[in-house]
Amino acid sequence: MKILKGIDQKLKLKINKCIALLGSEYTSLNFNIEPYETREKLEFERINCPDLTDESYEDILNGKRTIGGVTLKDKKRIKIFLYQYPNLHLPKEVLDLVAIFYHELRHAWQIKNNMFQENDAKVISPNENFELYFGDEAEKDAYLFHEEQIRRHTDQIFKIFEFNIPEGTMLYSLNSDIRKRFID
């Protein structure tokens, strides 16, 4: 697993440390992570060298719901849209960003371990069909995984990002729409 260029080096180091908390099963995944610090980088890609459908670009750039990342199975690439997280000086926003990394890494892990392959026919966007998206077992697994890992590693993530927050402080929870479908 390698984070490609296009990200501040200090942030890259911190993200790598957060990913390392997941262990070698995740750090050794044969996927590249491609960060998008600006919306313009994604728009440039869309025009000049697209690797998603035009509908996917439109969904990511202009959809009603924020899409923080996408995992491309065939290209073994994870796209993370950093521009969706402009306030990384806030602990809650850092947890949200790390959760996206964990979520997409879980999808990469699912791919490596041939899990949920029957669901590969068509990737559903939460903007396209909210109910169908949240009915997908791969998504349910990834959401539950990232929530569990954020809860387990919050104190270490705060230390990595140099936040002076009392141990045991929990500033992360799944969105209420997601929680309602998967946990409650």
Protein backbone atom coordinates (compact mmCIF):
# COMPACT_ATOMS: atom_id res chain seq x y z
CA MET A 1 0.00 0.00 0.00
CA LYS A 2 1.46 3.29 -1.10
CA ILE A 3 0.16 6.85 -0.96
CA LEU A 4 1.03 8.55 -4.23
CA LYS A 5 2.19 12.15 -4.51
CA GLY A 6 -0.24 15.01 -4.37
CA ILE A 7 -0.44 15.29 -0.61
CA ASP A 8 1.38 17.39 1.97
CA GLN A 9 4.27 15.27 3.29
CA LYS A 10 3.43 15.90 6.96
CA LEU A 11 -0.16 14.81 6.38
CA LYS A 12 1.05 11.78 4.40
CA LEU A 13 3.27 10.70 7.30
CA LYS A 14 0.41 11.05 9.77
CA ILE A 15 -2.01 9.13 7.54
CA ASN A 16 0.56 6.35 7.08
CA LYS A 17 0.88 6.10 10.87
CA CYS A 18 -2.91 5.87 11.19
CA ILE A 19 -3.04 3.15 8.55
CA ALA A 20 -0.25 1.27 10.36
CA LEU A 21 -2.61 1.00 13.36
CA LEU A 22 -4.62 -1.50 11.27
CA GLY A 23 -1.65 -3.89 11.02
CA SER A 24 0.20 -5.57 8.19
CA GLU A 25 -2.95 -7.11 6.76
CA TYR A 26 -3.85 -3.60 5.58
CA THR A 27 -0.44 -1.96 5.13
CA SER A 28 0.60 -4.74 2.77
CA LEU A 29 -2.40 -4.43 0.43
CA ASN A 30 -1.33 -4.12 -3.19
CA PHE A 31 -3.26 -0.87 -3.79
CA ASN A 32 -2.07 2.67 -4.43
CA ILE A 33 -3.82 5.55 -2.70
CA GLU A 34 -4.27 8.62 -4.86
CA PRO A 35 -5.09 11.77 -2.87
CA TYR A 36 -6.94 14.72 -4.39
CA GLU A 37 -6.08 17.86 -2.44
CA THR A 38 -8.16 20.03 -4.75
CA ARG A 39 -11.40 19.65 -6.61
CA GLU A 40 -9.59 21.02 -9.68
CA LYS A 41 -7.28 17.99 -9.80
CA LEU A 42 -10.32 15.71 -10.08
CA GLU A 43 -11.91 17.99 -12.69
CA PHE A 44 -8.63 17.99 -14.68
CA GLU A 45 -8.55 14.19 -14.56
CA ARG A 46 -12.17 14.01 -15.68
CA ILE A 47 -11.35 16.04 -18.81
CA ASN A 48 -7.87 14.76 -19.65
CA CYS A 49 -7.47 11.18 -18.45
CA PRO A 50 -10.67 9.82 -16.93
CA ASP A 51 -10.72 6.44 -15.25
CA LEU A 52 -14.27 6.71 -13.91
CA THR A 53 -17.53 7.09 -15.78
CA ASP A 54 -18.75 10.62 -16.40
CA GLU A 55 -21.68 9.82 -14.10
CA SER A 56 -19.24 8.89 -11.31
CA TYR A 57 -17.32 12.15 -11.70
CA GLU A 58 -20.56 14.09 -11.65
CA ASP A 59 -21.68 12.20 -8.55
CA ILE A 60 -18.42 12.86 -6.69
CA LEU A 61 -18.16 16.50 -7.73
CA ASN A 62 -21.81 17.55 -7.57
CA GLY A 63 -23.83 14.90 -5.76
CA LYS A 64 -26.08 15.67 -2.78
CA ARG A 65 -24.06 13.43 -0.48
CA THR A 66 -20.33 13.83 0.11
CA ILE A 67 -18.22 11.04 -1.32
CA GLY A 68 -14.86 10.92 0.44
CA GLY A 69 -13.27 8.06 -1.45
CA VAL A 70 -13.61 5.40 -4.13
CA THR A 71 -11.86 2.04 -4.54
CA LEU A 72 -11.14 0.89 -8.09
CA LYS A 73 -10.84 -2.88 -8.06
CA ASP A 74 -9.37 -3.43 -11.53
CA LYS A 75 -6.80 -0.65 -11.21
CA LYS A 76 -5.92 -1.48 -7.59
CA ARG A 77 -6.29 2.17 -6.74
CA ILE A 78 -8.03 4.09 -3.98
CA LYS A 79 -9.00 7.70 -4.64
CA ILE A 80 -9.35 9.89 -1.54
CA PHE A 81 -10.91 13.33 -1.96
CA LEU A 82 -8.99 15.35 0.62
CA TYR A 83 -10.62 18.60 -0.50
CA GLN A 84 -13.79 17.35 1.24
CA TYR A 85 -11.93 17.80 4.56
CA PRO A 86 -10.70 21.43 4.67
CA ASN A 87 -10.53 21.72 8.48
CA LEU A 88 -7.90 19.18 9.50
CA HIS A 89 -7.03 21.35 12.49
CA LEU A 90 -10.29 20.05 14.03
CA PRO A 91 -10.16 16.61 15.72
CA LYS A 92 -13.60 15.54 14.44
CA GLU A 93 -12.64 16.29 10.84
CA VAL A 94 -9.41 14.31 11.20
CA LEU A 95 -11.40 11.33 12.47
CA ASP A 96 -13.79 11.67 9.52
CA LEU A 97 -10.84 11.66 7.10
CA VAL A 98 -9.12 8.70 8.74
CA ALA A 99 -12.47 6.87 8.69
CA ILE A 100 -12.61 7.32 4.89
CA PHE A 101 -9.12 5.84 4.56
CA TYR A 102 -10.15 2.90 6.76
CA HIS A 103 -13.40 2.44 4.83
CA GLU A 104 -11.69 2.34 1.44
CA LEU A 105 -8.88 0.13 2.74
CA ARG A 106 -11.55 -2.29 3.94
CA HIS A 107 -12.92 -2.42 0.39
CA ALA A 108 -9.39 -3.18 -0.87
CA TRP A 109 -9.12 -5.91 1.78
CA GLN A 110 -12.50 -7.31 0.66
CA ILE A 111 -11.23 -7.43 -2.92
CA LYS A 112 -7.98 -9.16 -1.93
CA ASN A 113 -9.94 -11.73 0.08
CA ASN A 114 -12.62 -12.25 -2.60
CA MET A 115 -15.43 -11.11 -0.34
CA PHE A 116 -18.76 -9.85 -1.70
CA GLN A 117 -17.75 -10.62 -5.30
CA GLU A 118 -21.37 -11.26 -6.25
CA ASN A 119 -21.98 -7.54 -5.69
CA ASP A 120 -19.41 -6.49 -8.32
CA ALA A 121 -21.85 -6.18 -11.21
CA LYS A 122 -22.59 -2.50 -10.61
CA VAL A 123 -21.29 -0.12 -8.00
CA ILE A 124 -24.15 1.86 -6.53
CA SER A 125 -23.67 5.45 -5.43
CA PRO A 126 -25.39 6.77 -2.30
CA ASN A 127 -26.56 9.68 -4.48
CA GLU A 128 -28.01 7.36 -7.10
CA ASN A 129 -29.96 4.96 -4.88
CA PHE A 130 -29.55 5.51 -1.16
CA GLU A 131 -31.51 2.41 -0.11
CA LEU A 132 -29.75 0.04 -2.52
CA TYR A 133 -26.32 1.44 -1.58
CA PHE A 134 -26.93 0.81 2.11
CA GLY A 135 -28.33 -2.63 1.40
CA ASP A 136 -24.99 -3.68 -0.08
CA GLU A 137 -23.13 -6.12 2.22
CA ALA A 138 -19.70 -4.80 1.20
CA GLU A 139 -20.72 -1.29 2.24
CA LYS A 140 -22.19 -2.50 5.51
CA ASP A 141 -18.97 -4.35 6.29
CA ALA A 142 -16.81 -1.34 5.40
CA TYR A 143 -18.88 1.09 7.50
CA LEU A 144 -18.91 -1.19 10.52
CA PHE A 145 -15.18 -1.85 10.13
CA HIS A 146 -14.21 1.80 9.90
CA GLU A 147 -16.39 2.74 12.86
CA GLU A 148 -14.91 -0.04 14.99
CA GLN A 149 -11.35 0.90 14.03
CA ILE A 150 -11.87 4.61 14.67
CA ARG A 151 -13.33 3.82 18.09
CA ARG A 152 -10.42 1.48 18.85
CA HIS A 153 -7.70 3.88 17.69
CA THR A 154 -9.07 7.36 18.49
CA ASP A 155 -6.52 8.05 21.24
CA GLN A 156 -3.60 7.01 18.99
CA ILE A 157 -4.96 9.07 16.07
CA PHE A 158 -5.19 12.12 18.34
CA LYS A 159 -1.57 11.58 19.40
CA ILE A 160 -0.43 11.18 15.78
CA PHE A 161 -2.15 14.45 14.86
CA GLU A 162 -0.84 16.10 18.04
CA PHE A 163 -4.23 16.93 19.52
CA ASN A 164 -4.21 17.44 23.27
CA ILE A 165 -7.49 15.70 24.03
CA PRO A 166 -8.16 13.61 27.14
CA GLU A 167 -7.93 9.86 26.55
CA GLY A 168 -11.27 8.19 26.02
CA THR A 169 -12.82 11.24 24.34
CA MET A 170 -14.99 10.01 21.48
CA LEU A 171 -15.73 12.54 18.76
CA TYR A 172 -16.71 10.06 16.05
CA SER A 173 -19.93 8.33 15.19
CA LEU A 174 -21.46 7.11 11.97
CA ASN A 175 -23.91 9.48 10.33
CA SER A 176 -27.41 8.90 11.76
CA ASP A 177 -28.77 7.68 8.38
CA ILE A 178 -26.00 5.09 8.19
CA ARG A 179 -26.25 4.08 11.84
CA LYS A 180 -30.00 3.55 11.47
CA ARG A 181 -29.49 1.12 8.59
CA PHE A 182 -26.56 -0.87 9.95
CA ILE A 183 -26.58 -0.87 13.72
CA ASP A 184 -29.78 0.32 15.38
